[in-house]
C-alpha atoms as a PDB file:
ATOM      1  CA  UNK A   1      -2.659   9.791 -17.773  1.00  0.00           C
ATOM      2  CA  UNK A   2      -4.413   6.660 -16.488  1.00  0.00           C
ATOM      3  CA  UNK A   3      -7.109   8.936 -15.142  1.00  0.00           C
ATOM      4  CA  UNK A   4      -9.850   6.306 -14.859  1.00  0.00           C
ATOM      5  CA  UNK A   5      -7.707   4.041 -12.688  1.00  0.00           C
ATOM      6  CA  UNK A   6      -6.560   6.981 -10.589  1.00  0.00           C
ATOM      7  CA  UNK A   7     -10.116   8.260 -10.132  1.00  0.00           C
ATOM      8  CA  UNK A   8     -11.136   4.822  -8.894  1.00  0.00           C
ATOM      9  CA  UNK A   9      -8.266   4.828  -6.395  1.00  0.00           C
ATOM     10  CA  UNK A  10      -9.229   8.298  -5.162  1.00  0.00           C
ATOM     11  CA  UNK A  11     -12.919   7.386  -4.952  1.00  0.00           C
ATOM     12  CA  UNK A  12     -12.065   4.448  -2.697  1.00  0.00           C
ATOM     13  CA  UNK A  13      -9.434   6.356  -0.730  1.00  0.00           C
ATOM     14  CA  UNK A  14      -9.553   6.443   3.066  1.00  0.00           C
ATOM     15  CA  UNK A  15      -6.825   9.070   3.185  1.00  0.00           C
ATOM     16  CA  UNK A  16      -8.677  12.277   2.198  1.00  0.00           C
ATOM     17  CA  UNK A  17      -7.052  12.323  -1.236  1.00  0.00           C
ATOM     18  CA  UNK A  18      -7.674  15.264  -3.575  1.00  0.00           C
ATOM     19  CA  UNK A  19      -9.421  14.333  -6.874  1.00  0.00           C
ATOM     20  CA  UNK A  20      -8.078  17.551  -8.427  1.00  0.00           C
ATOM     21  CA  UNK A  21      -4.592  16.116  -8.007  1.00  0.00           C
ATOM     22  CA  UNK A  22      -4.950  14.169 -11.271  1.00  0.00           C
ATOM     23  CA  UNK A  23      -4.317  17.346 -13.281  1.00  0.00           C
ATOM     24  CA  UNK A  24      -1.180  18.070 -11.270  1.00  0.00           C
ATOM     25  CA  UNK A  25      -0.001  14.489 -11.731  1.00  0.00           C
ATOM     26  CA  UNK A  26      -0.306  14.978 -15.472  1.00  0.00           C
ATOM     27  CA  UNK A  27       1.871  18.095 -15.223  1.00  0.00           C
ATOM     28  CA  UNK A  28       4.340  16.217 -13.011  1.00  0.00           C
ATOM     29  CA  UNK A  29       4.685  13.397 -15.553  1.00  0.00           C
ATOM     30  CA  UNK A  30       5.260  15.908 -18.387  1.00  0.00           C
ATOM     31  CA  UNK A  31       8.002  17.617 -16.374  1.00  0.00           C
ATOM     32  CA  UNK A  32       9.581  14.261 -15.569  1.00  0.00           C
ATOM     33  CA  UNK A  33       9.543  13.214 -19.206  1.00  0.00           C
ATOM     34  CA  UNK A  34      11.297  16.444 -20.209  1.00  0.00           C
ATOM     35  CA  UNK A  35      13.884  16.406 -17.412  1.00  0.00           C
ATOM     36  CA  UNK A  36      14.558  12.714 -17.856  1.00  0.00           C
ATOM     37  CA  UNK A  37      15.776  13.206 -21.423  1.00  0.00           C
ATOM     38  CA  UNK A  38      18.617  15.368 -20.100  1.00  0.00           C
ATOM     39  CA  UNK A  39      19.259  14.257 -16.519  1.00  0.00           C
ATOM     40  CA  UNK A  40      18.439  10.522 -16.496  1.00  0.00           C
ATOM     41  CA  UNK A  41      16.310  10.711 -13.347  1.00  0.00           C
ATOM     42  CA  UNK A  42      14.434   7.413 -13.716  1.00  0.00           C
ATOM     43  CA  UNK A  43      14.440   4.190 -15.723  1.00  0.00           C
ATOM     44  CA  UNK A  44      10.833   4.866 -16.741  1.00  0.00           C
ATOM     45  CA  UNK A  45      11.374   6.211 -20.259  1.00  0.00           C
ATOM     46  CA  UNK A  46       7.882   6.290 -21.732  1.00  0.00           C
ATOM     47  CA  UNK A  47       4.792   8.176 -20.602  1.00  0.00           C
ATOM     48  CA  UNK A  48       3.034   4.825 -20.144  1.00  0.00           C
ATOM     49  CA  UNK A  49       5.801   3.565 -17.847  1.00  0.00           C
ATOM     50  CA  UNK A  50       5.663   6.775 -15.816  1.00  0.00           C
ATOM     51  CA  UNK A  51       1.886   6.557 -15.503  1.00  0.00           C
ATOM     52  CA  UNK A  52       2.173   3.000 -14.172  1.00  0.00           C
ATOM     53  CA  UNK A  53       4.666   4.283 -11.578  1.00  0.00           C
ATOM     54  CA  UNK A  54       2.132   6.950 -10.578  1.00  0.00           C
ATOM     55  CA  UNK A  55      -0.655   4.392 -10.148  1.00  0.00           C
ATOM     56  CA  UNK A  56       1.703   2.113  -8.207  1.00  0.00           C
ATOM     57  CA  UNK A  57       2.570   5.022  -5.901  1.00  0.00           C
ATOM     58  CA  UNK A  58      -1.053   6.085  -5.378  1.00  0.00           C
ATOM     59  CA  UNK A  59      -2.626   2.651  -4.929  1.00  0.00           C
ATOM     60  CA  UNK A  60      -2.037   2.417  -1.133  1.00  0.00           C
ATOM     61  CA  UNK A  61      -4.360   5.399  -0.639  1.00  0.00           C
ATOM     62  CA  UNK A  62      -7.147   2.839  -0.825  1.00  0.00           C
ATOM     63  CA  UNK A  63      -6.106   1.373   2.524  1.00  0.00           C
ATOM     64  CA  UNK A  64      -4.070   4.072   4.279  1.00  0.00           C
ATOM     65  CA  UNK A  65      -5.814   6.286   6.846  1.00  0.00           C
ATOM     66  CA  UNK A  66      -5.406  10.095   6.799  1.00  0.00           C
ATOM     67  CA  UNK A  67      -1.987  11.236   8.076  1.00  0.00           C
ATOM     68  CA  UNK A  68      -0.696  14.612   9.251  1.00  0.00           C
ATOM     69  CA  UNK A  69       2.906  14.152   8.162  1.00  0.00           C
ATOM     70  CA  UNK A  70       4.755  11.946   5.705  1.00  0.00           C
ATOM     71  CA  UNK A  71       8.435  11.226   5.108  1.00  0.00           C
ATOM     72  CA  UNK A  72       9.511   9.503   1.910  1.00  0.00           C
ATOM     73  CA  UNK A  73      13.022   8.053   2.060  1.00  0.00           C
ATOM     74  CA  UNK A  74      14.861   7.998  -1.258  1.00  0.00           C
ATOM     75  CA  UNK A  75      12.185   9.761  -3.306  1.00  0.00           C
ATOM     76  CA  UNK A  76      14.248   9.595  -6.497  1.00  0.00           C
ATOM     77  CA  UNK A  77      12.272  11.097  -9.382  1.00  0.00           C
ATOM     78  CA  UNK A  78       9.140  11.355  -7.231  1.00  0.00           C
ATOM     79  CA  UNK A  79       7.892   7.823  -6.587  1.00  0.00           C
ATOM     80  CA  UNK A  80       6.078   7.475  -4.300  1.00  0.00           C
ATOM     81  CA  UNK A  81       6.694  10.682  -2.342  1.00  0.00           C
ATOM     82  CA  UNK A  82       5.832  13.374  -4.881  1.00  0.00           C
ATOM     83  CA  UNK A  83       2.773  11.460  -6.087  1.00  0.00           C
ATOM     84  CA  UNK A  84       1.471  11.142  -2.526  1.00  0.00           C
ATOM     85  CA  UNK A  85       2.268  14.798  -1.800  1.00  0.00           C
ATOM     86  CA  UNK A  86       0.240  15.907  -4.826  1.00  0.00           C
ATOM     87  CA  UNK A  87      -2.731  13.765  -3.838  1.00  0.00           C
ATOM     88  CA  UNK A  88      -2.562  14.640  -0.114  1.00  0.00           C
ATOM     89  CA  UNK A  89      -2.369  18.459  -0.049  1.00  0.00           C
ATOM     90  CA  UNK A  90      -3.303  18.619   3.640  1.00  0.00           C
ATOM     91  CA  UNK A  91      -0.412  16.336   4.628  1.00  0.00           C
ATOM     92  CA  UNK A  92       3.006  17.813   5.440  1.00  0.00           C
ATOM     93  CA  UNK A  93       5.349  15.865   3.133  1.00  0.00           C
ATOM     94  CA  UNK A  94       9.134  15.648   3.461  1.00  0.00           C
ATOM     95  CA  UNK A  95      10.918  14.149   0.467  1.00  0.00           C
ATOM     96  CA  UNK A  96      14.378  12.848   1.320  1.00  0.00           C
ATOM     97  CA  UNK A  97      16.601  12.486  -1.761  1.00  0.00           C
ATOM     98  CA  UNK A  98      20.406  12.799  -1.465  1.00  0.00           C
ATOM     99  CA  UNK A  99      21.164  12.963  -5.217  1.00  0.00           C
ATOM    100  CA  UNK A 100      21.348  16.663  -6.080  1.00  0.00           C
ATOM    101  CA  UNK A 101      19.892  16.497  -9.598  1.00  0.00           C
ATOM    102  CA  UNK A 102      16.877  14.565  -8.359  1.00  0.00           C
ATOM    103  CA  UNK A 103      16.417  16.887  -5.383  1.00  0.00           C
ATOM    104  CA  UNK A 104      16.577  19.852  -7.795  1.00  0.00           C
ATOM    105  CA  UNK A 105      13.857  18.272  -9.937  1.00  0.00           C
ATOM    106  CA  UNK A 106      11.644  17.657  -6.905  1.00  0.00           C
ATOM    107  CA  UNK A 107      12.052  21.287  -5.799  1.00  0.00           C
ATOM    108  CA  UNK A 108      11.216  22.504  -9.305  1.00  0.00           C
ATOM    109  CA  UNK A 109       8.028  20.412  -9.406  1.00  0.00           C
ATOM    110  CA  UNK A 110       6.956  21.534  -5.927  1.00  0.00           C
ATOM    111  CA  UNK A 111       7.439  25.184  -6.930  1.00  0.00           C
ATOM    112  CA  UNK A 112       5.843  24.904 -10.351  1.00  0.00           C
ATOM    113  CA  UNK A 113       2.769  23.080  -9.050  1.00  0.00           C
ATOM    114  CA  UNK A 114       2.448  25.291  -5.964  1.00  0.00           C
ATOM    115  CA  UNK A 115       2.846  22.428  -3.499  1.00  0.00           C
ATOM    116  CA  UNK A 116       3.085  24.282  -0.209  1.00  0.00           C
ATOM    117  CA  UNK A 117       2.978  20.994   1.706  1.00  0.00           C
ATOM    118  CA  UNK A 118       6.314  19.755   0.295  1.00  0.00           C
ATOM    119  CA  UNK A 119       9.802  20.070   1.776  1.00  0.00           C
ATOM    120  CA  UNK A 120      12.736  18.527  -0.102  1.00  0.00           C
ATOM    121  CA  UNK A 121      15.728  17.403   1.962  1.00  0.00           C
ATOM    122  CA  UNK A 122      18.842  16.704  -0.131  1.00  0.00           C
ATOM    123  CA  UNK A 123      20.195  14.357   2.527  1.00  0.00           C
ATOM    124  CA  UNK A 124      20.562  10.705   3.417  1.00  0.00           C
ATOM    125  CA  UNK A 125      18.020   9.315   5.851  1.00  0.00           C
ATOM    126  CA  UNK A 126      20.582   9.147   8.665  1.00  0.00           C
ATOM    127  CA  UNK A 127      21.269  12.880   8.251  1.00  0.00           C
ATOM    128  CA  UNK A 128      17.673  13.931   8.901  1.00  0.00           C
ATOM    129  CA  UNK A 129      16.687  15.714  12.091  1.00  0.00           C
ATOM    130  CA  UNK A 130      15.270  13.241  14.598  1.00  0.00           C
ATOM    131  CA  UNK A 131      11.510  13.877  14.715  1.00  0.00           C
ATOM    132  CA  UNK A 132       8.470  11.667  14.394  1.00  0.00           C
ATOM    133  CA  UNK A 133       6.303  11.317  11.285  1.00  0.00           C
ATOM    134  CA  UNK A 134       2.805   9.888  10.958  1.00  0.00           C
ATOM    135  CA  UNK A 135       3.802   7.838   7.903  1.00  0.00           C
ATOM    136  CA  UNK A 136       7.216   6.869   6.513  1.00  0.00           C
ATOM    137  CA  UNK A 137       7.372   5.481   2.992  1.00  0.00           C
ATOM    138  CA  UNK A 138      10.167   4.146   0.803  1.00  0.00           C
ATOM    139  CA  UNK A 139      10.526   2.385  -2.517  1.00  0.00           C
ATOM    140  CA  UNK A 140      13.495   0.624  -4.142  1.00  0.00           C
ATOM    141  CA  UNK A 141      16.075   1.882  -1.624  1.00  0.00           C
ATOM    142  CA  UNK A 142      17.240  -1.034   0.542  1.00  0.00           C
ATOM    143  CA  UNK A 143      15.919  -4.104   2.362  1.00  0.00           C
ATOM    144  CA  UNK A 144      13.083  -3.822   4.870  1.00  0.00           C
ATOM    145  CA  UNK A 145      15.154  -4.508   8.002  1.00  0.00           C
ATOM    146  CA  UNK A 146      17.659  -1.787   7.105  1.00  0.00           C
ATOM    147  CA  UNK A 147      14.811   0.644   6.432  1.00  0.00           C
ATOM    148  CA  UNK A 148      13.320  -0.062   9.843  1.00  0.00           C
ATOM    149  CA  UNK A 149      16.719   0.637  11.437  1.00  0.00           C
ATOM    150  CA  UNK A 150      16.988   3.945   9.568  1.00  0.00           C
ATOM    151  CA  UNK A 151      13.499   4.884  10.750  1.00  0.00           C
ATOM    152  CA  UNK A 152      14.103   4.322  14.471  1.00  0.00           C
ATOM    153  CA  UNK A 153      14.795   8.006  15.352  1.00  0.00           C
ATOM    154  CA  UNK A 154      11.707   9.003  13.320  1.00  0.00           C
ATOM    155  CA  UNK A 155       9.138   6.749  14.977  1.00  0.00           C
ATOM    156  CA  UNK A 156       6.693   7.431  17.784  1.00  0.00           C
ATOM    157  CA  UNK A 157       3.626   5.560  19.008  1.00  0.00           C
ATOM    158  CA  UNK A 158       1.481   6.757  16.078  1.00  0.00           C
ATOM    159  CA  UNK A 159       3.968   6.182  13.227  1.00  0.00           C
ATOM    160  CA  UNK A 160       3.148   3.815  10.380  1.00  0.00           C
ATOM    161  CA  UNK A 161       5.618   2.431   7.830  1.00  0.00           C
ATOM    162  CA  UNK A 162       4.821   1.642   4.205  1.00  0.00           C
ATOM    163  CA  UNK A 163       7.539   0.070   2.074  1.00  0.00           C
ATOM    164  CA  UNK A 164       6.999  -0.637  -1.625  1.00  0.00           C
ATOM    165  CA  UNK A 165       8.620  -4.046  -2.076  1.00  0.00           C
ATOM    166  CA  UNK A 166       8.968  -6.691  -4.749  1.00  0.00           C
ATOM    167  CA  UNK A 167       8.838 -10.468  -4.809  1.00  0.00           C
ATOM    168  CA  UNK A 168      11.481 -10.886  -2.080  1.00  0.00           C
ATOM    169  CA  UNK A 169       9.305  -9.278   0.582  1.00  0.00           C
ATOM    170  CA  UNK A 170       8.763 -12.483   2.559  1.00  0.00           C
ATOM    171  CA  UNK A 171      12.505 -13.147   2.836  1.00  0.00           C
ATOM    172  CA  UNK A 172      13.120  -9.520   3.814  1.00  0.00           C
ATOM    173  CA  UNK A 173      10.534  -9.563   6.595  1.00  0.00           C
ATOM    174  CA  UNK A 174      11.574 -12.825   8.281  1.00  0.00           C
ATOM    175  CA  UNK A 175      13.074 -10.850  11.175  1.00  0.00           C
ATOM    176  CA  UNK A 176      10.257  -8.315  11.413  1.00  0.00           C
ATOM    177  CA  UNK A 177       7.319 -10.506  12.469  1.00  0.00           C
ATOM    178  CA  UNK A 178       7.212  -8.791  15.881  1.00  0.00           C
ATOM    179  CA  UNK A 179       6.378  -5.522  14.080  1.00  0.00           C
ATOM    180  CA  UNK A 180       2.900  -6.740  13.154  1.00  0.00           C
ATOM    181  CA  UNK A 181       3.426  -6.560   9.416  1.00  0.00           C
ATOM    182  CA  UNK A 182       0.755  -6.734   6.735  1.00  0.00           C
ATOM    183  CA  UNK A 183       1.555  -7.425   3.074  1.00  0.00           C
ATOM    184  CA  UNK A 184      -0.878  -6.177   0.416  1.00  0.00           C
ATOM    185  CA  UNK A 185      -0.277  -7.283  -3.161  1.00  0.00           C
ATOM    186  CA  UNK A 186      -0.987  -5.599  -6.503  1.00  0.00           C
ATOM    187  CA  UNK A 187       0.477  -7.235  -9.622  1.00  0.00           C
ATOM    188  CA  UNK A 188       4.180  -7.765  -8.788  1.00  0.00           C
ATOM    189  CA  UNK A 189       4.148  -5.094  -6.100  1.00  0.00           C
ATOM    190  CA  UNK A 190       4.013  -6.029  -2.424  1.00  0.00           C
ATOM    191  CA  UNK A 191       3.144  -3.153  -0.115  1.00  0.00           C
ATOM    192  CA  UNK A 192       4.649  -3.854   3.302  1.00  0.00           C
ATOM    193  CA  UNK A 193       2.486  -2.012   5.814  1.00  0.00           C
ATOM    194  CA  UNK A 194       3.442  -1.747   9.476  1.00  0.00           C
ATOM    195  CA  UNK A 195       0.582  -0.022  11.266  1.00  0.00           C
ATOM    196  CA  UNK A 196       2.313   0.286  14.648  1.00  0.00           C
ATOM    197  CA  UNK A 197       5.951   0.972  13.900  1.00  0.00           C
ATOM    198  CA  UNK A 198       6.695   1.445  17.612  1.00  0.00           C
ATOM    199  CA  UNK A 199       6.450  -2.362  17.931  1.00  0.00           C
ATOM    200  CA  UNK A 200       9.638  -2.561  15.867  1.00  0.00           C
ATOM    201  CA  UNK A 201      11.542  -0.686  18.578  1.00  0.00           C
ATOM    202  CA  UNK A 202      11.019  -3.436  21.172  1.00  0.00           C
END
């Protein structure tokens, strides 16, 4: 586990992250490595690749404020939703993953690690109950404008959006300038942060 890099992220975190979560992240990555050999849950095949995914998922904790509730759309094998849930034990986390084998893995991890703050919904985003979340995240699911449309029933005046995007982020956000977007870059990752998602509804 890239524990030094993770400890630095947690030390600088604004989001009340749990330093003890590093041990659980190590257990999570071991489970993922084992399940992935059989079920093909993620393209990250090596422990090093998985650890980079964990750091990528956790990095926004350095700028995010504390949140009461989090929804991750398209959690897949756990990035970023499960990583954030492990590091934010006081945050109610809903992981939305329609693929049954991935949802089963997420439920197994939540049970094995005793993550009482995690709910796994084996549904598409448009099948979720309409309720507001403090933070909605998503990585590698669809373009930013489509994500914003999916999020509309889940947004209130306090909702923030955080989308993990790649090099096409500027093209994807051309129609979202009214949302008050902020783009924060780490390596090839562009974190698209919308602090007042309610602006997107206008």
